Amino acid sequence: MKYTVLWTKTALKKLKKLKNKNIERIIEKVEEVSDDPIKFFKKLTNMPLYSLRIGKYRVIAIIDTEKHSIIILTIEYGKRAYKTLK
């Protein structure tokens, strides 16, 4: 069953700051993996969050298996994504 993808205001702001080709790539990949997000997203240690690597960008999300939804929290460049979570 396909999961619903929800974007937070923060994630949308970060997305708008990127180049168009990166925006398209990120949106396409998130939609593509929404069929089985647990298979593609990596669980972050000691946090209820997941990370999806798309090129040099990381999409940080919450995956709610009961409601079948993916909540995209933020998009960051490289390892900086994990530093902003602490």
C-alpha atoms as a PDB file:
ATOM      1  CA  MET A   1       0.000   0.000   0.000  1.00  0.00           C
ATOM      2  CA  LYS A   2       1.344   3.404  -0.982  1.00  0.00           C
ATOM      3  CA  TYR A   3       2.149   5.772   1.879  1.00  0.00           C
ATOM      4  CA  THR A   4       0.920   9.380   1.878  1.00  0.00           C
ATOM      5  CA  VAL A   5       3.763  11.908   1.740  1.00  0.00           C
ATOM      6  CA  LEU A   6       3.346  15.035   3.880  1.00  0.00           C
ATOM      7  CA  TRP A   7       5.817  17.940   3.757  1.00  0.00           C
ATOM      8  CA  THR A   8       6.401  20.273   6.721  1.00  0.00           C
ATOM      9  CA  LYS A   9       6.832  24.014   6.188  1.00  0.00           C
ATOM     10  CA  THR A  10      10.522  23.667   7.056  1.00  0.00           C
ATOM     11  CA  ALA A  11      11.029  20.950   4.449  1.00  0.00           C
ATOM     12  CA  LEU A  12       9.260  23.006   1.783  1.00  0.00           C
ATOM     13  CA  LYS A  13      11.429  26.064   2.576  1.00  0.00           C
ATOM     14  CA  LYS A  14      14.597  23.964   2.284  1.00  0.00           C
ATOM     15  CA  LEU A  15      13.341  22.420  -0.950  1.00  0.00           C
ATOM     16  CA  LYS A  16      12.635  25.822  -2.531  1.00  0.00           C
ATOM     17  CA  LYS A  17      16.230  26.931  -1.885  1.00  0.00           C
ATOM     18  CA  LEU A  18      17.629  24.127  -4.057  1.00  0.00           C
ATOM     19  CA  LYS A  19      18.219  24.106  -7.809  1.00  0.00           C
ATOM     20  CA  ASN A  20      15.313  22.927  -9.946  1.00  0.00           C
ATOM     21  CA  LYS A  21      17.008  19.687 -11.005  1.00  0.00           C
ATOM     22  CA  ASN A  22      17.605  18.760  -7.346  1.00  0.00           C
ATOM     23  CA  ILE A  23      14.025  19.640  -6.405  1.00  0.00           C
ATOM     24  CA  GLU A  24      12.642  17.358  -9.119  1.00  0.00           C
ATOM     25  CA  ARG A  25      15.038  14.572  -8.197  1.00  0.00           C
ATOM     26  CA  ILE A  26      14.115  14.687  -4.500  1.00  0.00           C
ATOM     27  CA  ILE A  27      10.361  14.810  -5.085  1.00  0.00           C
ATOM     28  CA  GLU A  28      10.512  11.962  -7.628  1.00  0.00           C
ATOM     29  CA  LYS A  29      12.601   9.765  -5.331  1.00  0.00           C
ATOM     30  CA  VAL A  30      10.392  10.364  -2.282  1.00  0.00           C
ATOM     31  CA  GLU A  31       7.288   9.510  -4.332  1.00  0.00           C
ATOM     32  CA  GLU A  32       9.024   6.437  -5.761  1.00  0.00           C
ATOM     33  CA  VAL A  33       9.960   5.006  -2.360  1.00  0.00           C
ATOM     34  CA  SER A  34       6.554   5.788  -0.831  1.00  0.00           C
ATOM     35  CA  ASP A  35       5.393   2.304  -1.890  1.00  0.00           C
ATOM     36  CA  ASP A  36       7.704   0.691   0.681  1.00  0.00           C
ATOM     37  CA  PRO A  37       9.508   3.393   2.711  1.00  0.00           C
ATOM     38  CA  ILE A  38      10.888   1.045   5.376  1.00  0.00           C
ATOM     39  CA  LYS A  39      12.908  -0.691   2.650  1.00  0.00           C
ATOM     40  CA  PHE A  40      14.562   2.536   1.439  1.00  0.00           C
ATOM     41  CA  PHE A  41      14.733   4.848   4.466  1.00  0.00           C
ATOM     42  CA  LYS A  42      17.444   4.193   7.059  1.00  0.00           C
ATOM     43  CA  LYS A  43      16.411   4.268  10.736  1.00  0.00           C
ATOM     44  CA  LEU A  44      18.452   6.787  12.724  1.00  0.00           C
ATOM     45  CA  THR A  45      20.060   5.529  15.920  1.00  0.00           C
ATOM     46  CA  ASN A  46      18.366   6.554  19.189  1.00  0.00           C
ATOM     47  CA  MET A  47      15.734   8.623  17.351  1.00  0.00           C
ATOM     48  CA  PRO A  48      12.270   7.912  15.960  1.00  0.00           C
ATOM     49  CA  LEU A  49      13.433   9.346  12.632  1.00  0.00           C
ATOM     50  CA  TYR A  50      14.450   7.994   9.250  1.00  0.00           C
ATOM     51  CA  SER A  51      16.888   9.230   6.610  1.00  0.00           C
ATOM     52  CA  LEU A  52      16.789   8.851   2.836  1.00  0.00           C
ATOM     53  CA  ARG A  53      19.939   9.580   0.851  1.00  0.00           C
ATOM     54  CA  ILE A  54      19.356  11.237  -2.506  1.00  0.00           C
ATOM     55  CA  GLY A  55      22.701  12.101  -4.034  1.00  0.00           C
ATOM     56  CA  LYS A  56      24.437  14.379  -1.551  1.00  0.00           C
ATOM     57  CA  TYR A  57      21.185  15.355   0.153  1.00  0.00           C
ATOM     58  CA  ARG A  58      19.472  13.704   3.111  1.00  0.00           C
ATOM     59  CA  VAL A  59      15.720  13.692   3.564  1.00  0.00           C
ATOM     60  CA  ILE A  60      14.837  13.372   7.261  1.00  0.00           C
ATOM     61  CA  ALA A  61      11.373  11.991   7.962  1.00  0.00           C
ATOM     62  CA  ILE A  62       9.013  10.305  10.371  1.00  0.00           C
ATOM     63  CA  ILE A  63       7.371   7.151   9.044  1.00  0.00           C
ATOM     64  CA  ASP A  64       3.992   6.324  10.589  1.00  0.00           C
ATOM     65  CA  THR A  65       3.225   2.714   9.678  1.00  0.00           C
ATOM     66  CA  GLU A  66      -0.216   2.782  11.315  1.00  0.00           C
ATOM     67  CA  LYS A  67      -1.455   5.762   9.307  1.00  0.00           C
ATOM     68  CA  HIS A  68       0.616   4.847   6.239  1.00  0.00           C
ATOM     69  CA  SER A  69       2.223   8.275   6.048  1.00  0.00           C
ATOM     70  CA  ILE A  70       5.685   9.751   5.596  1.00  0.00           C
ATOM     71  CA  ILE A  71       6.212  13.169   7.168  1.00  0.00           C
ATOM     72  CA  ILE A  72       9.183  14.935   5.595  1.00  0.00           C
ATOM     73  CA  LEU A  73      10.757  17.109   8.297  1.00  0.00           C
ATOM     74  CA  THR A  74      13.772  18.612   6.549  1.00  0.00           C
ATOM     75  CA  ILE A  75      16.228  18.303   3.670  1.00  0.00           C
ATOM     76  CA  GLU A  76      19.905  18.965   4.291  1.00  0.00           C
ATOM     77  CA  TYR A  77      23.157  18.701   2.408  1.00  0.00           C
ATOM     78  CA  GLY A  78      25.325  15.746   3.427  1.00  0.00           C
ATOM     79  CA  LYS A  79      26.240  14.994   7.004  1.00  0.00           C
ATOM     80  CA  ARG A  80      25.054  18.424   8.105  1.00  0.00           C
ATOM     81  CA  ALA A  81      21.582  16.864   8.250  1.00  0.00           C
ATOM     82  CA  TYR A  82      22.503  14.805  11.298  1.00  0.00           C
ATOM     83  CA  LYS A  83      24.169  17.699  13.145  1.00  0.00           C
ATOM     84  CA  THR A  84      20.989  19.799  12.943  1.00  0.00           C
ATOM     85  CA  LEU A  85      18.992  17.031  14.649  1.00  0.00           C
ATOM     86  CA  LYS A  86      20.968  17.059  17.892  1.00  0.00           C
END
